[in-house]
Amino acid sequence: MRTNIDIDDDLMAKVMRITGKRTKRDAIHEAMARLVEIDQQTAIRTLRGTIDWDGNLDDMRTSKYIPADL
């Protein structure tokens, strides 16, 4: 989608430095993708401690749970 927007030059330079991208287009795309990832991670973190798990890590660490071909 083609869009024309006014972006602060200093902010754009920082985004390009942080992302390591050489073009404004690539830097903006990377920054937007990272923002979406952060949002998704935040949503996942809200689930911490809310899911019950009845597994036993000690049992899972034994060889009976490890595939034989490893």
PDB file of N, CA and C in Angstrom:
ATOM      1  N   MET A   1       0.840  -1.160   0.000  1.00  0.00           N
ATOM      2  CA  MET A   1       0.000   0.000   0.000  1.00  0.00           C
ATOM      3  C   MET A   1       0.897   1.239   0.000  1.00  0.00           C
ATOM      4  N   ARG A   2       0.639   2.113  -0.889  1.00  0.00           N
ATOM      5  CA  ARG A   2       1.425   3.339  -0.983  1.00  0.00           C
ATOM      6  C   ARG A   2       0.796   4.392  -0.072  1.00  0.00           C
ATOM      7  N   THR A   3       1.641   5.005   0.791  1.00  0.00           N
ATOM      8  CA  THR A   3       1.165   6.003   1.741  1.00  0.00           C
ATOM      9  C   THR A   3       2.201   7.107   1.861  1.00  0.00           C
ATOM     10  N   ASN A   4       1.738   8.322   1.912  1.00  0.00           N
ATOM     11  CA  ASN A   4       2.625   9.465   2.126  1.00  0.00           C
ATOM     12  C   ASN A   4       2.404   9.983   3.538  1.00  0.00           C
ATOM     13  N   ILE A   5       3.492  10.031   4.328  1.00  0.00           N
ATOM     14  CA  ILE A   5       3.397  10.525   5.695  1.00  0.00           C
ATOM     15  C   ILE A   5       4.599  11.405   6.004  1.00  0.00           C
ATOM     16  N   ASP A   6       4.423  12.275   6.994  1.00  0.00           N
ATOM     17  CA  ASP A   6       5.500  13.158   7.435  1.00  0.00           C
ATOM     18  C   ASP A   6       6.133  12.530   8.674  1.00  0.00           C
ATOM     19  N   ILE A   7       7.431  12.184   8.591  1.00  0.00           N
ATOM     20  CA  ILE A   7       8.136  11.529   9.689  1.00  0.00           C
ATOM     21  C   ILE A   7       9.291  12.416  10.134  1.00  0.00           C
ATOM     22  N   ASP A   8       9.425  12.580  11.434  1.00  0.00           N
ATOM     23  CA  ASP A   8      10.513  13.361  12.008  1.00  0.00           C
ATOM     24  C   ASP A   8      11.854  12.786  11.548  1.00  0.00           C
ATOM     25  N   ASP A   9      12.728  13.641  11.027  1.00  0.00           N
ATOM     26  CA  ASP A   9      14.019  13.191  10.492  1.00  0.00           C
ATOM     27  C   ASP A   9      14.890  12.510  11.546  1.00  0.00           C
ATOM     28  N   ASP A  10      14.928  13.072  12.751  1.00  0.00           N
ATOM     29  CA  ASP A  10      15.742  12.474  13.815  1.00  0.00           C
ATOM     30  C   ASP A  10      15.212  11.093  14.204  1.00  0.00           C
ATOM     31  N   LEU A  11      13.902  10.976  14.298  1.00  0.00           N
ATOM     32  CA  LEU A  11      13.296   9.691  14.639  1.00  0.00           C
ATOM     33  C   LEU A  11      13.565   8.666  13.543  1.00  0.00           C
ATOM     34  N   MET A  12      13.467   9.097  12.297  1.00  0.00           N
ATOM     35  CA  MET A  12      13.726   8.184  11.181  1.00  0.00           C
ATOM     36  C   MET A  12      15.172   7.712  11.205  1.00  0.00           C
ATOM     37  N   ALA A  13      16.092   8.610  11.495  1.00  0.00           N
ATOM     38  CA  ALA A  13      17.511   8.247  11.563  1.00  0.00           C
ATOM     39  C   ALA A  13      17.752   7.233  12.678  1.00  0.00           C
ATOM     40  N   LYS A  14      17.091   7.420  13.819  1.00  0.00           N
ATOM     41  CA  LYS A  14      17.231   6.478  14.930  1.00  0.00           C
ATOM     42  C   LYS A  14      16.683   5.105  14.557  1.00  0.00           C
ATOM     43  N   VAL A  15      15.530   5.090  13.904  1.00  0.00           N
ATOM     44  CA  VAL A  15      14.922   3.818  13.490  1.00  0.00           C
ATOM     45  C   VAL A  15      15.831   3.100  12.499  1.00  0.00           C
ATOM     46  N   MET A  16      16.404   3.838  11.566  1.00  0.00           N
ATOM     47  CA  MET A  16      17.299   3.221  10.586  1.00  0.00           C
ATOM     48  C   MET A  16      18.559   2.681  11.260  1.00  0.00           C
ATOM     49  N   ARG A  17      19.062   3.399  12.267  1.00  0.00           N
ATOM     50  CA  ARG A  17      20.248   2.937  12.992  1.00  0.00           C
ATOM     51  C   ARG A  17      19.919   1.685  13.804  1.00  0.00           C
ATOM     52  N   ILE A  18      18.799   1.711  14.510  1.00  0.00           N
ATOM     53  CA  ILE A  18      18.413   0.581  15.359  1.00  0.00           C
ATOM     54  C   ILE A  18      18.137  -0.670  14.538  1.00  0.00           C
ATOM     55  N   THR A  19      17.424  -0.511  13.432  1.00  0.00           N
ATOM     56  CA  THR A  19      17.057  -1.675  12.619  1.00  0.00           C
ATOM     57  C   THR A  19      18.182  -2.124  11.703  1.00  0.00           C
ATOM     58  N   GLY A  20      19.123  -1.232  11.425  1.00  0.00           N
ATOM     59  CA  GLY A  20      20.204  -1.575  10.512  1.00  0.00           C
ATOM     60  C   GLY A  20      19.780  -1.559   9.053  1.00  0.00           C
ATOM     61  N   LYS A  21      18.624  -1.002   8.780  1.00  0.00           N
ATOM     62  CA  LYS A  21      18.119  -0.940   7.405  1.00  0.00           C
ATOM     63  C   LYS A  21      18.664   0.297   6.702  1.00  0.00           C
ATOM     64  N   ARG A  22      18.860   0.169   5.396  1.00  0.00           N
ATOM     65  CA  ARG A  22      19.442   1.273   4.621  1.00  0.00           C
ATOM     66  C   ARG A  22      18.393   2.173   3.981  1.00  0.00           C
ATOM     67  N   THR A  23      17.180   1.659   3.811  1.00  0.00           N
ATOM     68  CA  THR A  23      16.134   2.481   3.204  1.00  0.00           C
ATOM     69  C   THR A  23      15.062   2.791   4.239  1.00  0.00           C
ATOM     70  N   LYS A  24      14.414   3.923   4.049  1.00  0.00           N
ATOM     71  CA  LYS A  24      13.336   4.311   4.958  1.00  0.00           C
ATOM     72  C   LYS A  24      12.209   3.287   4.916  1.00  0.00           C
ATOM     73  N   ARG A  25      11.911   2.820   3.735  1.00  0.00           N
ATOM     74  CA  ARG A  25      10.838   1.837   3.572  1.00  0.00           C
ATOM     75  C   ARG A  25      11.124   0.579   4.383  1.00  0.00           C
ATOM     76  N   ASP A  26      12.338   0.055   4.259  1.00  0.00           N
ATOM     77  CA  ASP A  26      12.704  -1.157   4.992  1.00  0.00           C
ATOM     78  C   ASP A  26      12.734  -0.914   6.500  1.00  0.00           C
ATOM     79  N   ALA A  27      13.215   0.260   6.903  1.00  0.00           N
ATOM     80  CA  ALA A  27      13.287   0.579   8.328  1.00  0.00           C
ATOM     81  C   ALA A  27      11.894   0.669   8.941  1.00  0.00           C
ATOM     82  N   ILE A  28      10.980   1.309   8.238  1.00  0.00           N
ATOM     83  CA  ILE A  28       9.610   1.430   8.736  1.00  0.00           C
ATOM     84  C   ILE A  28       8.944   0.065   8.791  1.00  0.00           C
ATOM     85  N   HIS A  29       9.148  -0.736   7.768  1.00  0.00           N
ATOM     86  CA  HIS A  29       8.566  -2.081   7.750  1.00  0.00           C
ATOM     87  C   HIS A  29       9.084  -2.899   8.933  1.00  0.00           C
ATOM     88  N   GLU A  30      10.391  -2.856   9.175  1.00  0.00           N
ATOM     89  CA  GLU A  30      10.993  -3.596  10.291  1.00  0.00           C
ATOM     90  C   GLU A  30      10.460  -3.095  11.631  1.00  0.00           C
ATOM     91  N   ALA A  31      10.379  -1.780  11.791  1.00  0.00           N
ATOM     92  CA  ALA A  31       9.889  -1.208  13.046  1.00  0.00           C
ATOM     93  C   ALA A  31       8.441  -1.609  13.304  1.00  0.00           C
ATOM     94  N   MET A  32       7.629  -1.603  12.258  1.00  0.00           N
ATOM     95  CA  MET A  32       6.229  -2.005  12.411  1.00  0.00           C
ATOM     96  C   MET A  32       6.121  -3.484  12.764  1.00  0.00           C
ATOM     97  N   ALA A  33       6.937  -4.317  12.143  1.00  0.00           N
ATOM     98  CA  ALA A  33       6.922  -5.751  12.434  1.00  0.00           C
ATOM     99  C   ALA A  33       7.338  -6.002  13.881  1.00  0.00           C
ATOM    100  N   ARG A  34       8.344  -5.273  14.345  1.00  0.00           N
ATOM    101  CA  ARG A  34       8.789  -5.431  15.737  1.00  0.00           C
ATOM    102  C   ARG A  34       7.709  -4.992  16.711  1.00  0.00           C
ATOM    103  N   LEU A  35       6.999  -3.926  16.389  1.00  0.00           N
ATOM    104  CA  LEU A  35       5.921  -3.446  17.248  1.00  0.00           C
ATOM    105  C   LEU A  35       4.825  -4.498  17.378  1.00  0.00           C
ATOM    106  N   VAL A  36       4.483  -5.132  16.271  1.00  0.00           N
ATOM    107  CA  VAL A  36       3.481  -6.200  16.299  1.00  0.00           C
ATOM    108  C   VAL A  36       3.978  -7.366  17.150  1.00  0.00           C
ATOM    109  N   GLU A  37       5.251  -7.740  17.018  1.00  0.00           N
ATOM    110  CA  GLU A  37       5.825  -8.821  17.828  1.00  0.00           C
ATOM    111  C   GLU A  37       5.754  -8.490  19.317  1.00  0.00           C
ATOM    112  N   ILE A  38       6.089  -7.260  19.670  1.00  0.00           N
ATOM    113  CA  ILE A  38       6.046  -6.841  21.074  1.00  0.00           C
ATOM    114  C   ILE A  38       4.624  -6.928  21.604  1.00  0.00           C
ATOM    115  N   ASP A  39       3.668  -6.505  20.808  1.00  0.00           N
ATOM    116  CA  ASP A  39       2.267  -6.571  21.217  1.00  0.00           C
ATOM    117  C   ASP A  39       1.841  -8.017  21.445  1.00  0.00           C
ATOM    118  N   GLN A  40       2.238  -8.911  20.558  1.00  0.00           N
ATOM    119  CA  GLN A  40       1.894 -10.321  20.704  1.00  0.00           C
ATOM    120  C   GLN A  40       2.558 -10.921  21.940  1.00  0.00           C
ATOM    121  N   GLN A  41       3.812 -10.564  22.190  1.00  0.00           N
ATOM    122  CA  GLN A  41       4.510 -11.067  23.371  1.00  0.00           C
ATOM    123  C   GLN A  41       3.846 -10.571  24.650  1.00  0.00           C
ATOM    124  N   THR A  42       3.400  -9.329  24.639  1.00  0.00           N
ATOM    125  CA  THR A  42       2.713  -8.770  25.800  1.00  0.00           C
ATOM    126  C   THR A  42       1.428  -9.535  26.073  1.00  0.00           C
ATOM    127  N   ALA A  43       0.699  -9.856  25.015  1.00  0.00           N
ATOM    128  CA  ALA A  43      -0.542 -10.615  25.173  1.00  0.00           C
ATOM    129  C   ALA A  43      -0.263 -11.999  25.742  1.00  0.00           C
ATOM    130  N   ILE A  44       0.809 -12.627  25.287  1.00  0.00           N
ATOM    131  CA  ILE A  44       1.169 -13.957  25.786  1.00  0.00           C
ATOM    132  C   ILE A  44       1.584 -13.874  27.254  1.00  0.00           C
ATOM    133  N   ARG A  45       2.313 -12.831  27.619  1.00  0.00           N
ATOM    134  CA  ARG A  45       2.766 -12.688  29.010  1.00  0.00           C
ATOM    135  C   ARG A  45       1.600 -12.558  29.980  1.00  0.00           C
ATOM    136  N   THR A  46       0.484 -12.018  29.527  1.00  0.00           N
ATOM    137  CA  THR A  46      -0.673 -11.886  30.418  1.00  0.00           C
ATOM    138  C   THR A  46      -1.218 -13.246  30.824  1.00  0.00           C
ATOM    139  N   LEU A  47      -0.893 -14.290  30.069  1.00  0.00           N
ATOM    140  CA  LEU A  47      -1.355 -15.638  30.393  1.00  0.00           C
ATOM    141  C   LEU A  47      -0.496 -16.305  31.459  1.00  0.00           C
ATOM    142  N   ARG A  48       0.657 -15.741  31.747  1.00  0.00           N
ATOM    143  CA  ARG A  48       1.578 -16.363  32.705  1.00  0.00           C
ATOM    144  C   ARG A  48       0.885 -16.574  34.053  1.00  0.00           C
ATOM    145  N   GLY A  49       0.958 -17.813  34.514  1.00  0.00           N
ATOM    146  CA  GLY A  49       0.365 -18.162  35.793  1.00  0.00           C
ATOM    147  C   GLY A  49      -1.117 -18.463  35.744  1.00  0.00           C
ATOM    148  N   THR A  50      -1.722 -18.374  34.574  1.00  0.00           N
ATOM    149  CA  THR A  50      -3.163 -18.621  34.474  1.00  0.00           C
ATOM    150  C   THR A  50      -3.490 -19.986  33.898  1.00  0.00           C
ATOM    151  N   ILE A  51      -2.481 -20.706  33.436  1.00  0.00           N
ATOM    152  CA  ILE A  51      -2.712 -22.010  32.826  1.00  0.00           C
ATOM    153  C   ILE A  51      -2.182 -23.083  33.773  1.00  0.00           C
ATOM    154  N   ASP A  52      -3.060 -24.029  34.134  1.00  0.00           N
ATOM    155  CA  ASP A  52      -2.652 -25.129  35.005  1.00  0.00           C
ATOM    156  C   ASP A  52      -1.954 -26.197  34.189  1.00  0.00           C
ATOM    157  N   TRP A  53      -0.884 -26.735  34.754  1.00  0.00           N
ATOM    158  CA  TRP A  53      -0.130 -27.793  34.089  1.00  0.00           C
ATOM    159  C   TRP A  53       0.181 -28.864  35.110  1.00  0.00           C
ATOM    160  N   ASP A  54      -0.129 -30.110  34.776  1.00  0.00           N
ATOM    161  CA  ASP A  54       0.053 -31.218  35.704  1.00  0.00           C
ATOM    162  C   ASP A  54       1.243 -32.089  35.352  1.00  0.00           C
ATOM    163  N   GLY A  55       2.091 -31.648  34.473  1.00  0.00           N
ATOM    164  CA  GLY A  55       3.236 -32.443  34.054  1.00  0.00           C
ATOM    165  C   GLY A  55       4.306 -32.539  35.136  1.00  0.00           C
ATOM    166  N   ASN A  56       5.270 -33.411  34.898  1.00  0.00           N
ATOM    167  CA  ASN A  56       6.382 -33.598  35.822  1.00  0.00           C
ATOM    168  C   ASN A  56       7.679 -33.437  35.030  1.00  0.00           C
ATOM    169  N   LEU A  57       8.361 -32.343  35.271  1.00  0.00           N
ATOM    170  CA  LEU A  57       9.572 -32.055  34.501  1.00  0.00           C
ATOM    171  C   LEU A  57      10.654 -33.100  34.720  1.00  0.00           C
ATOM    172  N   ASP A  58      10.768 -33.625  35.927  1.00  0.00           N
ATOM    173  CA  ASP A  58      11.784 -34.653  36.184  1.00  0.00           C
ATOM    174  C   ASP A  58      11.530 -35.887  35.323  1.00  0.00           C
ATOM    175  N   ASP A  59      10.271 -36.304  35.217  1.00  0.00           N
ATOM    176  CA  ASP A  59       9.940 -37.445  34.360  1.00  0.00           C
ATOM    177  C   ASP A  59      10.215 -37.138  32.894  1.00  0.00           C
ATOM    178  N   MET A  60       9.897 -35.915  32.489  1.00  0.00           N
ATOM    179  CA  MET A  60      10.080 -35.545  31.085  1.00  0.00           C
ATOM    180  C   MET A  60      11.555 -35.497  30.703  1.00  0.00           C
ATOM    181  N   ARG A  61      12.413 -35.282  31.670  1.00  0.00           N
ATOM    182  CA  ARG A  61      13.848 -35.196  31.389  1.00  0.00           C
ATOM    183  C   ARG A  61      14.511 -36.565  31.263  1.00  0.00           C
ATOM    184  N   THR A  62      13.794 -37.606  31.571  1.00  0.00           N
ATOM    185  CA  THR A  62      14.365 -38.953  31.462  1.00  0.00           C
ATOM    186  C   THR A  62      14.354 -39.411  30.017  1.00  0.00           C
ATOM    187  N   SER A  63      15.131 -40.441  29.748  1.00  0.00           N
ATOM    188  CA  SER A  63      15.309 -40.907  28.375  1.00  0.00           C
ATOM    189  C   SER A  63      14.040 -41.450  27.745  1.00  0.00           C
ATOM    190  N   LYS A  64      13.053 -41.841  28.528  1.00  0.00           N
ATOM    191  CA  LYS A  64      11.839 -42.397  27.924  1.00  0.00           C
ATOM    192  C   LYS A  64      11.076 -41.350  27.107  1.00  0.00           C
ATOM    193  N   TYR A  65      11.341 -40.069  27.348  1.00  0.00           N
ATOM    194  CA  TYR A  65      10.683 -39.015  26.590  1.00  0.00           C
ATOM    195  C   TYR A  65      11.554 -38.476  25.456  1.00  0.00           C
ATOM    196  N   ILE A  66      12.793 -38.878  25.418  1.00  0.00           N
ATOM    197  CA  ILE A  66      13.712 -38.406  24.385  1.00  0.00           C
ATOM    198  C   ILE A  66      13.672 -39.380  23.211  1.00  0.00           C
ATOM    199  N   PRO A  67      13.422 -38.895  21.991  1.00  0.00           N
ATOM    200  CA  PRO A  67      13.386 -39.790  20.828  1.00  0.00           C
ATOM    201  C   PRO A  67      14.692 -40.570  20.685  1.00  0.00           C
ATOM    202  N   ALA A  68      14.587 -41.823  20.295  1.00  0.00           N
ATOM    203  CA  ALA A  68      15.751 -42.708  20.193  1.00  0.00           C
ATOM    204  C   ALA A  68      16.739 -42.252  19.128  1.00  0.00           C
ATOM    205  N   ASP A  69      16.278 -41.533  18.107  1.00  0.00           N
ATOM    206  CA  ASP A  69      17.159 -41.149  17.006  1.00  0.00           C
ATOM    207  C   ASP A  69      17.992 -39.900  17.304  1.00  0.00           C
ATOM    208  N   LEU A  70      17.923 -39.373  18.505  1.00  0.00           N
ATOM    209  CA  LEU A  70      18.741 -38.195  18.841  1.00  0.00           C
ATOM    210  C   LEU A  70      20.075 -38.592  19.293  1.00  0.00           C
TER     211      LEU A  70
END
